[in-house]
Amino acid sequence: MKIKKNLLVSLIYELRETDSNGPVIEKVESDNPFQFIYGTGRLLQSFESALSDLSEGDDFRFTIKSKDAYGDRREDLIIDIPISAFEIDGKIDEEVCRVGNEIPMTDGSGRQFVGVINEISGDTVKMDFNHPMAGVDLYFSGKVIGVREPTAEELEHI
């Protein structure tokens, strides 16, 4: 059966940065395949497009350029935030406010973002709100191990 809209797809794959020789980012093996319902808009459109019309048993290899994945890194998403934003009862929680931590934040409109603390200096915390994979070309290689109609229970989880 060919991959098409609203079918459950099972894949095994290896995701590498840039190309087939890049560092491995993720590996999905047959004991726990990646499963999704094709065409529901939950995955990168460029990822689904690369799998379009493949069938169970087909191998695949493709690159998704950063602009078609998580976008290019943007300097305007690296922001200085007053350290006072991390105060609770007048004290900075040093377990939370430390370089490398991912912190959920909310903007003035109530939208939530996750930022990584890059630097703490004086009264300022420099946070990066770029997606961790921004600016990275993604290279996938793998195999389609299943294509079928989803069960009613699987459809509930869309």
C-alpha atoms as a PDB file:
ATOM      1  CA  MET A   1       0.000   0.000   0.000  1.00  0.00           C
ATOM      2  CA  LYS A   2       1.292   3.479  -0.907  1.00  0.00           C
ATOM      3  CA  ILE A   3       1.578   6.283   1.609  1.00  0.00           C
ATOM      4  CA  LYS A   4      -1.325   8.689   1.266  1.00  0.00           C
ATOM      5  CA  LYS A   5      -3.463  11.008   3.348  1.00  0.00           C
ATOM      6  CA  ASN A   6      -4.944   9.592   6.567  1.00  0.00           C
ATOM      7  CA  LEU A   7      -3.007   6.320   6.484  1.00  0.00           C
ATOM      8  CA  LEU A   8      -0.869   5.205   9.430  1.00  0.00           C
ATOM      9  CA  VAL A   9       2.790   5.088   8.434  1.00  0.00           C
ATOM     10  CA  SER A  10       5.541   3.253  10.335  1.00  0.00           C
ATOM     11  CA  LEU A  11       9.176   4.145   9.702  1.00  0.00           C
ATOM     12  CA  ILE A  12      12.624   3.284  10.878  1.00  0.00           C
ATOM     13  CA  TYR A  13      15.245   5.903  10.136  1.00  0.00           C
ATOM     14  CA  GLU A  14      18.449   7.616  11.005  1.00  0.00           C
ATOM     15  CA  LEU A  15      18.529  11.404  11.101  1.00  0.00           C
ATOM     16  CA  ARG A  16      21.881  13.090  10.562  1.00  0.00           C
ATOM     17  CA  GLU A  17      22.975  16.678  10.517  1.00  0.00           C
ATOM     18  CA  THR A  18      23.702  18.039   7.015  1.00  0.00           C
ATOM     19  CA  ASP A  19      24.365  14.848   5.005  1.00  0.00           C
ATOM     20  CA  SER A  20      25.084  11.107   5.165  1.00  0.00           C
ATOM     21  CA  ASN A  21      28.400  11.765   6.934  1.00  0.00           C
ATOM     22  CA  GLY A  22      27.054  14.218   9.523  1.00  0.00           C
ATOM     23  CA  PRO A  23      26.652  13.460  13.208  1.00  0.00           C
ATOM     24  CA  VAL A  24      23.651  11.313  14.129  1.00  0.00           C
ATOM     25  CA  ILE A  25      20.841  13.340  15.697  1.00  0.00           C
ATOM     26  CA  GLU A  26      18.317  10.547  16.137  1.00  0.00           C
ATOM     27  CA  LYS A  27      17.977   6.864  15.331  1.00  0.00           C
ATOM     28  CA  VAL A  28      14.620   5.068  15.260  1.00  0.00           C
ATOM     29  CA  GLU A  29      14.803   1.277  15.135  1.00  0.00           C
ATOM     30  CA  SER A  30      12.321  -1.508  14.423  1.00  0.00           C
ATOM     31  CA  ASP A  31      11.666  -2.294  18.095  1.00  0.00           C
ATOM     32  CA  ASN A  32      10.050   1.165  18.447  1.00  0.00           C
ATOM     33  CA  PRO A  33       9.242   2.536  14.971  1.00  0.00           C
ATOM     34  CA  PHE A  34       8.102   6.088  14.357  1.00  0.00           C
ATOM     35  CA  GLN A  35       4.377   6.051  13.592  1.00  0.00           C
ATOM     36  CA  PHE A  36       2.190   8.881  12.350  1.00  0.00           C
ATOM     37  CA  ILE A  37      -0.940   9.489  10.359  1.00  0.00           C
ATOM     38  CA  TYR A  38       0.121  10.961   7.045  1.00  0.00           C
ATOM     39  CA  GLY A  39      -1.267  14.308   5.955  1.00  0.00           C
ATOM     40  CA  THR A  40      -2.611  15.577   9.277  1.00  0.00           C
ATOM     41  CA  GLY A  41      -0.248  18.556   9.445  1.00  0.00           C
ATOM     42  CA  ARG A  42       1.599  17.436  12.562  1.00  0.00           C
ATOM     43  CA  LEU A  43       4.965  16.930  10.850  1.00  0.00           C
ATOM     44  CA  LEU A  44       7.131  19.101   8.661  1.00  0.00           C
ATOM     45  CA  GLN A  45       5.457  19.350   5.272  1.00  0.00           C
ATOM     46  CA  SER A  46       8.853  18.825   3.616  1.00  0.00           C
ATOM     47  CA  PHE A  47       9.262  15.539   5.538  1.00  0.00           C
ATOM     48  CA  GLU A  48       5.859  14.233   4.483  1.00  0.00           C
ATOM     49  CA  SER A  49       6.375  15.369   0.880  1.00  0.00           C
ATOM     50  CA  ALA A  50       9.618  13.386   0.681  1.00  0.00           C
ATOM     51  CA  LEU A  51       7.725  10.237   1.728  1.00  0.00           C
ATOM     52  CA  SER A  52       4.766  10.780  -0.598  1.00  0.00           C
ATOM     53  CA  ASP A  53       3.874   7.748  -2.710  1.00  0.00           C
ATOM     54  CA  LEU A  54       6.407   5.430  -1.075  1.00  0.00           C
ATOM     55  CA  SER A  55       5.168   1.957  -0.162  1.00  0.00           C
ATOM     56  CA  GLU A  56       5.805  -0.510   2.621  1.00  0.00           C
ATOM     57  CA  GLY A  57       9.303  -1.931   2.156  1.00  0.00           C
ATOM     58  CA  ASP A  58      10.667   1.111   0.295  1.00  0.00           C
ATOM     59  CA  ASP A  59      13.971   2.620   1.385  1.00  0.00           C
ATOM     60  CA  PHE A  60      14.409   6.385   1.454  1.00  0.00           C
ATOM     61  CA  ARG A  61      17.178   8.962   1.586  1.00  0.00           C
ATOM     62  CA  PHE A  62      16.553  12.684   1.444  1.00  0.00           C
ATOM     63  CA  THR A  63      17.786  16.028   2.691  1.00  0.00           C
ATOM     64  CA  ILE A  64      15.585  18.790   4.034  1.00  0.00           C
ATOM     65  CA  LYS A  65      17.258  22.188   3.848  1.00  0.00           C
ATOM     66  CA  SER A  66      17.054  24.241   7.051  1.00  0.00           C
ATOM     67  CA  LYS A  67      14.742  26.803   5.438  1.00  0.00           C
ATOM     68  CA  ASP A  68      12.243  23.978   4.770  1.00  0.00           C
ATOM     69  CA  ALA A  69      12.685  22.445   8.225  1.00  0.00           C
ATOM     70  CA  TYR A  70      13.031  24.678  11.284  1.00  0.00           C
ATOM     71  CA  GLY A  71      14.239  27.767   9.459  1.00  0.00           C
ATOM     72  CA  ASP A  72      17.498  29.615   9.581  1.00  0.00           C
ATOM     73  CA  ARG A  73      18.923  30.823  12.881  1.00  0.00           C
ATOM     74  CA  ARG A  74      17.716  34.322  13.628  1.00  0.00           C
ATOM     75  CA  GLU A  75      19.724  36.766  15.697  1.00  0.00           C
ATOM     76  CA  ASP A  76      16.525  38.617  16.627  1.00  0.00           C
ATOM     77  CA  LEU A  77      15.461  35.514  18.580  1.00  0.00           C
ATOM     78  CA  ILE A  78      18.454  35.871  20.911  1.00  0.00           C
ATOM     79  CA  ILE A  79      17.185  38.239  23.563  1.00  0.00           C
ATOM     80  CA  ASP A  80      18.520  39.879  26.708  1.00  0.00           C
ATOM     81  CA  ILE A  81      16.073  39.471  29.586  1.00  0.00           C
ATOM     82  CA  PRO A  82      16.409  41.185  32.953  1.00  0.00           C
ATOM     83  CA  ILE A  83      17.569  38.679  35.552  1.00  0.00           C
ATOM     84  CA  SER A  84      14.726  39.912  37.749  1.00  0.00           C
ATOM     85  CA  ALA A  85      12.364  37.911  35.503  1.00  0.00           C
ATOM     86  CA  PHE A  86      13.828  34.808  37.170  1.00  0.00           C
ATOM     87  CA  GLU A  87      13.240  35.981  40.736  1.00  0.00           C
ATOM     88  CA  ILE A  88      10.888  34.154  43.045  1.00  0.00           C
ATOM     89  CA  ASP A  89      10.276  35.853  46.377  1.00  0.00           C
ATOM     90  CA  GLY A  90      13.191  38.201  45.655  1.00  0.00           C
ATOM     91  CA  LYS A  91      15.722  35.409  44.987  1.00  0.00           C
ATOM     92  CA  ILE A  92      17.126  33.923  41.800  1.00  0.00           C
ATOM     93  CA  ASP A  93      16.610  30.154  41.599  1.00  0.00           C
ATOM     94  CA  GLU A  94      20.104  29.087  40.537  1.00  0.00           C
ATOM     95  CA  GLU A  95      18.912  25.588  39.621  1.00  0.00           C
ATOM     96  CA  VAL A  96      16.603  27.147  37.021  1.00  0.00           C
ATOM     97  CA  CYS A  97      18.617  30.180  35.990  1.00  0.00           C
ATOM     98  CA  ARG A  98      21.838  28.640  34.694  1.00  0.00           C
ATOM     99  CA  VAL A  99      23.587  28.444  31.339  1.00  0.00           C
ATOM    100  CA  GLY A 100      22.285  25.630  29.130  1.00  0.00           C
ATOM    101  CA  ASN A 101      18.869  25.294  30.779  1.00  0.00           C
ATOM    102  CA  GLU A 102      15.766  25.284  28.599  1.00  0.00           C
ATOM    103  CA  ILE A 103      13.159  27.548  30.167  1.00  0.00           C
ATOM    104  CA  PRO A 104       9.501  27.894  29.161  1.00  0.00           C
ATOM    105  CA  MET A 105       8.613  31.574  28.867  1.00  0.00           C
ATOM    106  CA  THR A 106       5.450  33.514  28.017  1.00  0.00           C
ATOM    107  CA  ASP A 107       5.424  36.722  25.988  1.00  0.00           C
ATOM    108  CA  GLY A 108       3.180  39.745  26.536  1.00  0.00           C
ATOM    109  CA  SER A 109       0.471  38.171  24.329  1.00  0.00           C
ATOM    110  CA  GLY A 110       0.380  34.952  26.347  1.00  0.00           C
ATOM    111  CA  ARG A 111       2.206  32.843  23.728  1.00  0.00           C
ATOM    112  CA  GLN A 112       4.583  30.264  25.139  1.00  0.00           C
ATOM    113  CA  PHE A 113       8.134  29.728  23.937  1.00  0.00           C
ATOM    114  CA  VAL A 114      11.087  27.688  25.100  1.00  0.00           C
ATOM    115  CA  GLY A 115      14.406  29.476  25.336  1.00  0.00           C
ATOM    116  CA  VAL A 116      17.890  28.288  26.193  1.00  0.00           C
ATOM    117  CA  ILE A 117      20.009  30.354  28.556  1.00  0.00           C
ATOM    118  CA  ASN A 118      23.238  31.167  26.714  1.00  0.00           C
ATOM    119  CA  GLU A 119      24.827  33.595  29.152  1.00  0.00           C
ATOM    120  CA  ILE A 120      24.246  35.259  32.503  1.00  0.00           C
ATOM    121  CA  SER A 121      26.059  38.526  33.130  1.00  0.00           C
ATOM    122  CA  GLY A 122      25.257  41.084  35.759  1.00  0.00           C
ATOM    123  CA  ASP A 123      21.571  41.940  35.576  1.00  0.00           C
ATOM    124  CA  THR A 124      20.968  40.251  32.217  1.00  0.00           C
ATOM    125  CA  VAL A 125      20.202  36.737  30.989  1.00  0.00           C
ATOM    126  CA  LYS A 126      20.816  36.103  27.271  1.00  0.00           C
ATOM    127  CA  MET A 127      18.254  33.606  25.962  1.00  0.00           C
ATOM    128  CA  ASP A 128      18.055  31.933  22.561  1.00  0.00           C
ATOM    129  CA  PHE A 129      14.511  31.285  21.333  1.00  0.00           C
ATOM    130  CA  ASN A 130      15.566  29.675  18.045  1.00  0.00           C
ATOM    131  CA  HIS A 131      14.433  26.084  17.547  1.00  0.00           C
ATOM    132  CA  PRO A 132      17.365  23.807  18.506  1.00  0.00           C
ATOM    133  CA  MET A 133      17.511  22.570  14.894  1.00  0.00           C
ATOM    134  CA  ALA A 134      17.280  26.043  13.295  1.00  0.00           C
ATOM    135  CA  GLY A 135      19.973  26.506  10.665  1.00  0.00           C
ATOM    136  CA  VAL A 136      20.563  22.766  10.334  1.00  0.00           C
ATOM    137  CA  ASP A 137      20.013  20.766   7.145  1.00  0.00           C
ATOM    138  CA  LEU A 138      18.439  17.391   7.987  1.00  0.00           C
ATOM    139  CA  TYR A 139      19.452  14.154   6.241  1.00  0.00           C
ATOM    140  CA  PHE A 140      17.109  11.187   6.639  1.00  0.00           C
ATOM    141  CA  SER A 141      17.775   7.610   5.586  1.00  0.00           C
ATOM    142  CA  GLY A 142      15.491   4.736   6.430  1.00  0.00           C
ATOM    143  CA  LYS A 143      12.738   2.379   5.427  1.00  0.00           C
ATOM    144  CA  VAL A 144       8.960   2.363   5.350  1.00  0.00           C
ATOM    145  CA  ILE A 145       8.009  -0.682   7.423  1.00  0.00           C
ATOM    146  CA  GLY A 146       4.251  -0.274   7.395  1.00  0.00           C
ATOM    147  CA  VAL A 147       1.368   1.565   5.709  1.00  0.00           C
ATOM    148  CA  ARG A 148      -2.206   0.810   6.742  1.00  0.00           C
ATOM    149  CA  GLU A 149      -5.577   2.219   7.711  1.00  0.00           C
ATOM    150  CA  PRO A 150      -5.452   3.546  11.293  1.00  0.00           C
ATOM    151  CA  THR A 151      -7.674   2.092  13.980  1.00  0.00           C
ATOM    152  CA  ALA A 152     -10.422   4.213  15.563  1.00  0.00           C
ATOM    153  CA  GLU A 153      -8.248   4.543  18.680  1.00  0.00           C
ATOM    154  CA  GLU A 154      -5.256   5.770  16.638  1.00  0.00           C
ATOM    155  CA  LEU A 155      -7.478   8.346  14.930  1.00  0.00           C
ATOM    156  CA  GLU A 156      -8.514   9.726  18.328  1.00  0.00           C
ATOM    157  CA  HIS A 157      -4.901  10.695  19.017  1.00  0.00           C
ATOM    158  CA  ILE A 158      -4.559  12.986  15.992  1.00  0.00           C
END
